Amino acid sequence: MGTLAARLATALLLLSLLGIHSAAAYGARYGARKAETPVQKAGRLRALADQKAAQLDAAEQIAALLQNQETDAQTNLDAAKDEAQAMAVSWVQAKTAVDSAKAVAANARKSAAVARKTVAGKKRYEGYSKAQAAVAEAERKYNASKARREQADAAYAAQQDVLNQLQPSSNGAQPGYAQAYSGSSAYTREQKKGKELKKKADEAAKEEAKAAAKLAAARAAAASATPTADDQAQFESVQAAEALAAQAEAQVKTAEVEFRAASQSMKKVAAQVSAARGQLKAAEKKREDADRRVAKLAAEAQKADADAMAAEEDAGIRAPGSEGAPGEDEDEEDDENDDENDEDENGDDGHGAGAGADEWKPTNSATATGAAGATAAQTEVGRPLMVRDAPVQTTSLLVTDTGAAEQPFGEPQPTRPTQPSYMF
């Protein structure tokens, strides 16, 4: 409890100190405001109005830049929408092509199925095709058996040549030698081998004869199954319908590939449109915020200018109801007074060499734009210049070169300075 009470007391002390400090700061500012002269107040308020005007100008420039960004974002969105529109047309065309290709393929399949069912000679033509295949298979078997038989005959003939070489009569031996030699082992082996080869050759010949018979039967069956010209035409029409169906299926696949590509492009363009729309919304929000800031600053600048004009009127540096810089409404009256003074003092028409040098009158200067708030006001040729300091001046006395002091913007004194006068 003690710790909590101590913390509470510390917090209250800090708050009281902060309040005292804030009150002291406010009191200092209030005292400074109360102590300033009307001219200082007018200068301060004019500087504040110039500051608000500068802030307004900067805010308007920023708003213009943001407006350009919003315009660019709108242009990008329009371009993305145009691209999306064109892509949508391509997507619809691709989808239509897919649907059309599928319809064509379905019709082609139906036509082929109908053709296969309604052709009268289809079975006969298919039977002929099978007979032709049987003939080709029989020819293959016959050719294979013939090759084996020829190979067996060649082997038997070669063996017979070797056996003949072993007979004594071939070497010019006497009769009766062959009978004696025929009992030898080499001759017996060759003779036995010849018998085996002869057996294989006979078997190959039998297989060849069977294959030839089958080939002849297959050829006869094919000849009896040969379709008529009408059967051929009808079967070819079925083949054409099936070819069209296959072509239509290929077109469907191609159209589907193009449709998938168009769909991917459509998604990409849609994402671009969404991103462009988001950028536009962000640009619009920034521009709207800038417009609200411009409106706020415009109101503040207008109020600050009105306050400054009122203060300048109170200080006597602006004619009541006048517009523009202070002192502009009094130019014509000043010119008339100068002409009269020139004629009285110098006896000329106010345009001679001594014009404006006999008697002088300070002219109100226009407050320049900026934080300084000070400017120089130049009168007509031949008249002295009067420079007014910034609103932070500490005195408002007009000091002449003769040492005399007078209130600014008052009635001119008889004393005529020979040098320009300055206000400090």
Protein backbone atom coordinates (compact mmCIF):
# COMPACT_ATOMS: atom_id res chain seq x y z
CA MET A 1 0.00 0.00 0.00
CA GLY A 2 2.82 2.36 0.81
CA THR A 3 4.51 1.73 -2.51
CA LEU A 4 1.27 2.30 -4.41
CA ALA A 5 0.64 5.55 -2.56
CA ALA A 6 4.19 6.70 -3.30
CA ARG A 7 3.78 5.97 -6.99
CA LEU A 8 0.47 7.79 -7.04
CA ALA A 9 1.99 10.79 -5.33
CA THR A 10 4.89 10.81 -7.81
CA ALA A 11 2.50 10.67 -10.75
CA LEU A 12 0.45 13.55 -9.37
CA LEU A 13 3.61 15.58 -8.81
CA LEU A 14 4.74 14.99 -12.40
CA LEU A 15 1.34 15.98 -13.72
CA SER A 16 1.36 19.14 -11.64
CA LEU A 17 4.85 20.02 -12.84
CA LEU A 18 3.81 19.48 -16.43
CA GLY A 19 0.77 21.65 -15.89
CA ILE A 20 2.90 24.39 -14.34
CA HIS A 21 5.36 24.20 -17.21
CA SER A 22 2.56 24.36 -19.80
CA ALA A 23 0.96 27.25 -17.98
CA ALA A 24 4.30 29.06 -17.80
CA ALA A 25 4.94 28.55 -21.51
CA TYR A 26 1.45 29.74 -22.37
CA GLY A 27 1.89 32.72 -20.08
CA ALA A 28 5.17 33.63 -21.76
CA ARG A 29 3.60 33.48 -25.19
CA TYR A 30 0.57 35.44 -24.03
CA GLY A 31 2.81 38.10 -22.47
CA ALA A 32 4.84 38.40 -25.66
CA ARG A 33 1.67 38.79 -27.70
CA LYS A 34 0.35 41.47 -25.35
CA ALA A 35 3.62 43.38 -25.46
CA GLU A 36 3.94 43.54 -29.25
CA THR A 37 2.98 46.70 -31.16
CA PRO A 38 0.29 46.74 -33.86
CA VAL A 39 2.98 46.89 -36.54
CA GLN A 40 4.74 43.86 -35.04
CA LYS A 41 1.44 42.02 -34.84
CA ALA A 42 0.71 42.84 -38.48
CA GLY A 43 4.15 41.61 -39.49
CA ARG A 44 3.79 38.42 -37.48
CA LEU A 45 0.38 37.68 -38.95
CA ARG A 46 1.58 38.53 -42.47
CA ALA A 47 4.52 36.15 -42.02
CA LEU A 48 2.11 33.47 -40.82
CA ALA A 49 -0.14 34.14 -43.85
CA ASP A 50 2.87 33.88 -46.16
CA GLN A 51 3.86 30.62 -44.50
CA LYS A 52 0.36 29.24 -44.96
CA ALA A 53 0.39 30.39 -48.60
CA ALA A 54 3.74 28.61 -49.15
CA GLN A 55 2.35 25.45 -47.54
CA LEU A 56 -0.72 25.71 -49.75
CA ASP A 57 1.43 26.08 -52.86
CA ALA A 58 3.52 23.04 -51.91
CA ALA A 59 0.37 21.03 -51.16
CA GLU A 60 -1.11 22.03 -54.53
CA GLN A 61 2.05 20.88 -56.31
CA ILE A 62 1.93 17.56 -54.48
CA ALA A 63 -1.77 17.24 -55.34
CA ALA A 64 -0.95 17.89 -59.00
CA LEU A 65 1.72 15.18 -58.96
CA LEU A 66 -0.68 12.76 -57.32
CA GLN A 67 -3.30 13.68 -59.91
CA ASN A 68 -0.80 12.78 -62.64
CA GLN A 69 -0.10 9.47 -60.88
CA GLU A 70 -3.82 8.77 -60.72
CA THR A 71 -4.12 9.57 -64.43
CA ASP A 72 -1.26 7.19 -65.21
CA ALA A 73 -2.87 4.49 -63.06
CA GLN A 74 -6.17 5.01 -64.88
CA THR A 75 -4.37 4.74 -68.22
CA ASN A 76 -2.70 1.50 -67.13
CA LEU A 77 -6.04 0.13 -65.96
CA ASP A 78 -7.70 1.04 -69.26
CA ALA A 79 -4.88 -0.64 -71.19
CA ALA A 80 -5.17 -3.76 -69.01
CA LYS A 81 -8.94 -3.81 -69.54
CA ASP A 82 -8.49 -3.49 -73.31
CA GLU A 83 -6.02 -6.37 -73.28
CA ALA A 84 -8.39 -8.40 -71.12
CA GLN A 85 -11.24 -7.66 -73.53
CA ALA A 86 -9.18 -8.83 -76.49
CA MET A 87 -8.09 -11.92 -74.55
CA ALA A 88 -11.71 -12.62 -73.63
CA VAL A 89 -12.61 -12.58 -77.33
CA SER A 90 -9.77 -15.04 -78.03
CA TRP A 91 -10.90 -17.21 -75.13
CA VAL A 92 -14.48 -17.31 -76.43
CA GLN A 93 -13.22 -18.18 -79.90
CA ALA A 94 -11.08 -21.01 -78.49
CA LYS A 95 -14.01 -22.31 -76.44
CA THR A 96 -16.25 -22.17 -79.50
CA ALA A 97 -13.63 -24.04 -81.52
CA VAL A 98 -13.48 -26.79 -78.87
CA ASP A 99 -17.24 -27.15 -78.78
CA SER A 100 -17.44 -27.19 -82.57
CA ALA A 101 -14.66 -29.77 -82.88
CA LYS A 102 -16.33 -31.99 -80.30
CA ALA A 103 -19.63 -31.77 -82.17
CA VAL A 104 -17.95 -32.64 -85.46
CA ALA A 105 -16.13 -35.57 -83.85
CA ALA A 106 -19.37 -36.87 -82.33
CA ASN A 107 -21.13 -36.71 -85.68
CA ALA A 108 -18.17 -38.44 -87.38
CA ARG A 109 -18.22 -41.24 -84.84
CA LYS A 110 -21.95 -41.70 -85.33
CA SER A 111 -21.54 -41.77 -89.13
CA ALA A 112 -18.78 -44.37 -88.93
CA ALA A 113 -20.85 -46.53 -86.60
CA VAL A 114 -23.86 -46.31 -88.89
CA ALA A 115 -21.73 -47.11 -91.91
CA ARG A 116 -20.27 -50.16 -90.23
CA LYS A 117 -23.74 -51.47 -89.38
CA THR A 118 -25.50 -50.76 -92.66
CA VAL A 119 -22.89 -51.94 -95.18
CA ALA A 120 -24.07 -55.25 -96.64
CA GLY A 121 -20.73 -56.37 -98.04
CA LYS A 122 -18.74 -55.54 -94.92
CA LYS A 123 -18.56 -59.16 -93.73
CA ARG A 124 -17.74 -60.43 -97.17
CA TYR A 125 -15.01 -57.89 -97.52
CA GLU A 126 -13.71 -58.73 -94.08
CA GLY A 127 -13.78 -62.45 -95.07
CA TYR A 128 -11.80 -61.62 -98.16
CA SER A 129 -9.31 -59.74 -96.05
CA LYS A 130 -8.93 -62.75 -93.77
CA ALA A 131 -8.50 -65.03 -96.81
CA GLN A 132 -5.80 -62.75 -98.12
CA ALA A 133 -4.08 -62.91 -94.76
CA ALA A 134 -4.30 -66.74 -94.83
CA VAL A 135 -2.76 -66.78 -98.30
CA ALA A 136 0.11 -64.61 -97.11
CA GLU A 137 0.69 -66.91 -94.12
CA ALA A 138 0.57 -70.02 -96.35
CA GLU A 139 3.06 -68.45 -98.74
CA ARG A 140 5.40 -67.70 -95.84
CA LYS A 141 5.23 -71.31 -94.60
CA TYR A 142 5.67 -72.71 -98.10
CA ASN A 143 8.70 -70.56 -98.75
CA ALA A 144 10.22 -71.63 -95.42
CA SER A 145 9.66 -75.37 -96.14
CA LYS A 146 11.04 -74.96 -99.64
CA ALA A 147 14.17 -73.33 -98.26
CA ARG A 148 14.65 -76.21 -95.78
CA ARG A 149 14.16 -78.77 -98.52
CA GLU A 150 16.68 -77.05 -100.78
CA GLN A 151 19.16 -76.88 -97.93
CA ALA A 152 18.69 -80.62 -97.20
CA ASP A 153 19.14 -81.48 -100.90
CA ALA A 154 22.33 -79.47 -101.05
CA ALA A 155 23.72 -81.23 -97.97
CA TYR A 156 22.88 -84.67 -99.36
CA ALA A 157 24.47 -83.81 -102.71
CA ALA A 158 27.67 -82.65 -101.04
CA GLN A 159 27.85 -85.82 -98.99
CA GLN A 160 27.37 -87.94 -102.12
CA ASP A 161 30.30 -86.21 -103.72
CA VAL A 162 32.51 -87.12 -100.75
CA LEU A 163 31.30 -90.71 -100.88
CA ASN A 164 32.08 -90.95 -104.57
CA GLN A 165 35.59 -89.68 -103.91
CA LEU A 166 36.15 -92.63 -101.58
CA GLN A 167 35.26 -95.28 -104.26
CA PRO A 168 38.35 -97.10 -105.70
CA SER A 169 37.09 -96.79 -109.24
CA SER A 170 37.57 -93.10 -109.04
CA ASN A 171 41.32 -93.64 -108.51
CA GLY A 172 41.63 -96.08 -111.42
CA ALA A 173 41.78 -99.18 -109.17
CA GLN A 174 41.16 -102.69 -110.48
CA PRO A 175 37.67 -104.23 -110.32
CA GLY A 176 36.98 -106.00 -107.07
CA TYR A 177 38.95 -103.42 -105.13
CA ALA A 178 35.74 -101.51 -104.45
CA GLN A 179 34.18 -104.51 -102.75
CA ALA A 180 37.28 -104.88 -100.59
CA TYR A 181 37.41 -101.17 -99.81
CA SER A 182 33.69 -100.97 -99.12
CA GLY A 183 34.25 -102.77 -95.90
CA SER A 184 36.52 -100.01 -94.60
CA SER A 185 35.34 -97.88 -91.70
CA ALA A 186 35.58 -94.46 -93.52
CA TYR A 187 33.43 -95.55 -96.37
CA THR A 188 30.91 -97.05 -93.97
CA ARG A 189 30.64 -93.83 -92.02
CA GLU A 190 30.10 -91.72 -95.13
CA GLN A 191 27.54 -94.14 -96.44
CA LYS A 192 25.60 -94.00 -93.16
CA LYS A 193 25.75 -90.21 -93.13
CA GLY A 194 24.38 -90.13 -96.66
CA LYS A 195 21.37 -92.15 -95.66
CA GLU A 196 20.53 -89.71 -92.84
CA LEU A 197 20.84 -86.72 -95.14
CA LYS A 198 18.64 -88.44 -97.70
CA LYS A 199 16.00 -89.00 -95.03
CA LYS A 200 16.02 -85.31 -94.03
CA ALA A 201 15.78 -84.24 -97.63
CA ASP A 202 12.76 -86.48 -98.16
CA GLU A 203 11.05 -85.10 -95.05
CA ALA A 204 11.72 -81.53 -96.20
CA ALA A 205 10.22 -82.39 -99.54
CA LYS A 206 7.10 -83.77 -97.88
CA GLU A 207 6.71 -80.57 -95.76
CA GLU A 208 7.15 -78.51 -98.87
CA ALA A 209 4.42 -80.46 -100.60
CA LYS A 210 2.06 -79.97 -97.64
CA ALA A 211 2.80 -76.24 -97.58
CA ALA A 212 2.18 -76.03 -101.30
CA ALA A 213 -1.16 -77.75 -100.83
CA LYS A 214 -2.17 -75.34 -98.08
CA LEU A 215 -1.11 -72.39 -100.17
CA ALA A 216 -3.22 -73.64 -103.05
CA ALA A 217 -6.20 -74.07 -100.72
CA ALA A 218 -5.75 -70.55 -99.30
CA ARG A 219 -5.54 -69.08 -102.75
CA ALA A 220 -8.69 -70.92 -103.75
CA ALA A 221 -10.51 -69.63 -100.65
CA ALA A 222 -9.37 -66.10 -101.33
CA ALA A 223 -10.51 -66.38 -104.91
CA SER A 224 -13.95 -67.55 -103.80
CA ALA A 225 -14.17 -64.73 -101.18
CA THR A 226 -13.32 -61.92 -103.54
CA PRO A 227 -15.94 -59.15 -102.94
CA THR A 228 -17.85 -57.38 -105.63
CA ALA A 229 -17.25 -53.79 -106.70
CA ASP A 230 -20.21 -52.63 -104.58
CA ASP A 231 -18.82 -54.41 -101.55
CA GLN A 232 -15.47 -52.72 -102.13
CA ALA A 233 -17.05 -49.26 -102.44
CA GLN A 234 -19.17 -49.75 -99.34
CA PHE A 235 -16.20 -50.90 -97.28
CA GLU A 236 -14.12 -47.99 -98.50
CA SER A 237 -16.90 -45.63 -97.42
CA VAL A 238 -16.69 -47.13 -93.94
CA GLN A 239 -12.95 -46.60 -93.93
CA ALA A 240 -13.43 -42.97 -95.03
CA ALA A 241 -15.95 -42.37 -92.23
CA GLU A 242 -13.56 -43.81 -89.68
CA ALA A 243 -10.75 -41.62 -91.03
CA LEU A 244 -12.94 -38.53 -90.70
CA ALA A 245 -13.77 -39.51 -87.13
CA ALA A 246 -10.08 -39.88 -86.29
CA GLN A 247 -9.33 -36.51 -87.89
CA ALA A 248 -12.12 -34.89 -85.89
CA GLU A 249 -10.71 -36.34 -82.69
CA ALA A 250 -7.30 -34.87 -83.52
CA GLN A 251 -8.91 -31.47 -84.11
CA VAL A 252 -10.59 -31.71 -80.71
CA LYS A 253 -7.23 -32.28 -79.03
CA THR A 254 -5.67 -29.34 -80.88
CA ALA A 255 -8.58 -27.06 -79.96
CA GLU A 256 -8.35 -28.11 -76.31
CA VAL A 257 -4.64 -27.27 -76.23
CA GLU A 258 -5.36 -23.80 -77.65
CA PHE A 259 -8.22 -23.34 -75.19
CA ARG A 260 -6.01 -24.19 -72.22
CA ALA A 261 -3.40 -21.69 -73.45
CA ALA A 262 -6.11 -19.02 -73.81
CA SER A 263 -7.35 -19.78 -70.30
CA GLN A 264 -3.86 -19.32 -68.86
CA SER A 265 -3.46 -16.03 -70.70
CA MET A 266 -6.89 -14.94 -69.46
CA LYS A 267 -5.90 -15.62 -65.85
CA LYS A 268 -2.67 -13.66 -66.32
CA VAL A 269 -4.48 -10.67 -67.82
CA ALA A 270 -7.13 -10.80 -65.09
CA ALA A 271 -4.36 -10.62 -62.49
CA GLN A 272 -2.90 -7.60 -64.30
CA VAL A 273 -6.30 -5.90 -64.30
CA SER A 274 -6.72 -6.58 -60.58
CA ALA A 275 -3.27 -5.17 -59.83
CA ALA A 276 -3.94 -2.09 -61.97
CA ARG A 277 -7.28 -1.55 -60.22
CA GLY A 278 -5.55 -1.76 -56.84
CA GLN A 279 -2.93 0.76 -57.94
CA LEU A 280 -5.68 3.09 -59.15
CA LYS A 281 -7.53 2.86 -55.84
CA ALA A 282 -4.33 3.63 -53.94
CA ALA A 283 -3.62 6.59 -56.25
CA GLU A 284 -7.19 7.86 -55.81
CA LYS A 285 -6.90 7.66 -52.03
CA LYS A 286 -3.61 9.58 -52.06
CA ARG A 287 -5.07 12.20 -54.38
CA GLU A 288 -8.20 12.57 -52.24
CA ASP A 289 -6.08 12.97 -49.12
CA ALA A 290 -4.02 15.60 -50.93
CA ASP A 291 -7.20 17.40 -52.06
CA ARG A 292 -8.50 17.46 -48.50
CA ARG A 293 -5.17 18.82 -47.30
CA VAL A 294 -5.25 21.47 -50.03
CA ALA A 295 -8.78 22.48 -49.03
CA LYS A 296 -7.78 22.64 -45.38
CA LEU A 297 -4.66 24.69 -46.12
CA ALA A 298 -6.63 26.95 -48.46
CA ALA A 299 -9.09 27.73 -45.67
CA GLU A 300 -6.25 28.29 -43.22
CA ALA A 301 -4.37 30.49 -45.70
CA GLN A 302 -7.49 32.51 -46.43
CA LYS A 303 -8.14 33.02 -42.71
CA ALA A 304 -4.50 33.90 -42.06
CA ASP A 305 -4.52 36.42 -44.92
CA ALA A 306 -7.74 37.96 -43.61
CA ASP A 307 -6.27 38.21 -40.10
CA ALA A 308 -3.09 39.78 -41.49
CA MET A 309 -5.07 42.31 -43.54
CA ALA A 310 -7.13 43.23 -40.49
CA ALA A 311 -3.97 43.66 -38.41
CA GLU A 312 -2.39 45.78 -41.15
CA GLU A 313 -5.47 47.99 -41.23
CA ASP A 314 -5.33 48.35 -37.45
CA ALA A 315 -1.63 49.24 -37.67
CA GLY A 316 -2.35 51.85 -40.34
CA ILE A 317 -0.19 50.27 -43.02
CA ARG A 318 -3.18 49.30 -45.15
CA ALA A 319 -6.17 51.36 -46.18
CA PRO A 320 -9.48 49.90 -45.01
CA GLY A 321 -11.08 47.74 -47.67
CA SER A 322 -7.98 47.80 -49.92
CA GLU A 323 -6.65 44.75 -51.74
CA GLY A 324 -3.12 43.65 -52.48
CA ALA A 325 0.04 44.89 -50.78
CA PRO A 326 -0.23 47.66 -48.17
CA GLY A 327 0.10 51.19 -49.58
CA GLU A 328 -1.04 50.48 -53.14
CA ASP A 329 -4.34 52.37 -52.73
CA GLU A 330 -2.53 55.51 -51.60
CA ASP A 331 -0.23 55.79 -54.64
CA GLU A 332 -2.47 58.20 -56.53
CA GLU A 333 -2.99 60.48 -53.51
CA ASP A 334 0.74 60.45 -52.77
CA ASP A 335 1.51 61.45 -56.36
CA GLU A 336 -0.88 64.43 -56.13
CA ASN A 337 0.66 65.58 -52.83
CA ASP A 338 4.15 65.24 -54.28
CA ASP A 339 3.24 67.37 -57.28
CA GLU A 340 1.78 70.11 -55.05
CA ASN A 341 4.80 70.06 -52.74
CA ASP A 342 7.20 70.26 -55.68
CA GLU A 343 5.39 73.28 -57.11
CA ASP A 344 5.32 75.09 -53.72
CA GLU A 345 8.97 74.55 -52.88
CA ASN A 346 10.72 74.69 -56.27
CA GLY A 347 8.25 76.55 -58.45
CA ASP A 348 8.43 73.87 -61.15
CA ASP A 349 5.88 71.35 -62.38
CA GLY A 350 7.12 68.48 -60.25
CA HIS A 351 9.22 66.94 -62.99
CA GLY A 352 12.40 68.98 -62.64
CA ALA A 353 15.69 68.07 -61.10
CA GLY A 354 14.52 68.88 -57.57
CA ALA A 355 11.28 66.96 -57.73
CA GLY A 356 10.68 64.94 -54.58
CA ALA A 357 13.66 66.37 -52.68
CA ASP A 358 11.96 69.23 -50.77
CA GLU A 359 9.63 67.17 -48.64
CA TRP A 360 9.42 63.38 -48.10
CA LYS A 361 6.80 61.03 -46.83
CA PRO A 362 7.34 57.33 -45.93
CA THR A 363 5.49 54.90 -48.16
CA ASN A 364 3.90 51.67 -46.95
CA SER A 365 5.82 48.61 -48.25
CA ALA A 366 4.39 45.28 -49.32
CA THR A 367 5.29 42.35 -47.14
CA ALA A 368 7.26 39.77 -49.14
CA THR A 369 6.36 36.11 -49.22
CA GLY A 370 8.49 33.89 -46.96
CA ALA A 371 9.50 33.33 -43.39
CA ALA A 372 11.41 36.62 -43.08
CA GLY A 373 8.41 38.79 -43.87
CA ALA A 374 10.59 41.81 -44.68
CA THR A 375 10.83 43.75 -47.96
CA ALA A 376 11.91 47.07 -49.38
CA ALA A 377 9.35 49.46 -50.88
CA GLN A 378 10.60 51.73 -53.66
CA THR A 379 8.84 55.02 -54.44
CA GLU A 380 8.91 57.10 -57.59
CA VAL A 381 12.17 58.27 -59.12
CA GLY A 382 13.78 60.93 -56.96
CA ARG A 383 11.93 60.00 -53.78
CA PRO A 384 13.75 58.44 -50.80
CA LEU A 385 13.41 54.78 -49.86
CA MET A 386 12.09 53.45 -46.57
CA VAL A 387 13.00 49.90 -45.50
CA ARG A 388 10.85 48.12 -42.93
CA ASP A 389 12.32 45.25 -40.91
CA ALA A 390 10.71 41.88 -40.18
CA PRO A 391 7.84 41.71 -37.67
CA VAL A 392 10.30 40.88 -34.88
CA GLN A 393 11.53 44.50 -34.68
CA THR A 394 12.05 45.91 -31.19
CA THR A 395 11.20 49.53 -31.89
CA SER A 396 9.00 51.40 -34.28
CA LEU A 397 10.69 54.83 -34.24
CA LEU A 398 11.69 56.49 -37.48
CA VAL A 399 15.18 57.97 -37.07
CA THR A 400 16.36 60.62 -39.49
CA ASP A 401 19.87 61.69 -40.26
CA THR A 402 19.37 64.80 -38.12
CA GLY A 403 18.71 62.73 -35.01
CA ALA A 404 15.02 63.55 -34.80
CA ALA A 405 12.65 60.71 -33.97
CA GLU A 406 9.03 60.40 -34.99
CA GLN A 407 6.31 57.78 -35.22
CA PRO A 408 6.22 55.90 -38.57
CA PHE A 409 3.45 56.60 -41.03
CA GLY A 410 2.64 59.88 -39.21
CA GLU A 411 2.45 63.39 -40.59
CA PRO A 412 5.76 64.66 -42.11
CA GLN A 413 7.81 67.05 -40.02
CA PRO A 414 9.26 70.33 -41.36
CA THR A 415 12.73 68.87 -41.09
CA ARG A 416 13.83 67.59 -44.51
CA PRO A 417 16.56 64.92 -44.56
CA THR A 418 19.20 64.89 -47.21
CA GLN A 419 19.73 61.11 -47.10
CA PRO A 420 17.30 58.17 -47.20
CA SER A 421 15.78 57.28 -43.85
CA TYR A 422 15.52 53.82 -42.31
CA MET A 423 13.30 52.25 -39.68
CA PHE A 424 15.00 50.04 -37.11
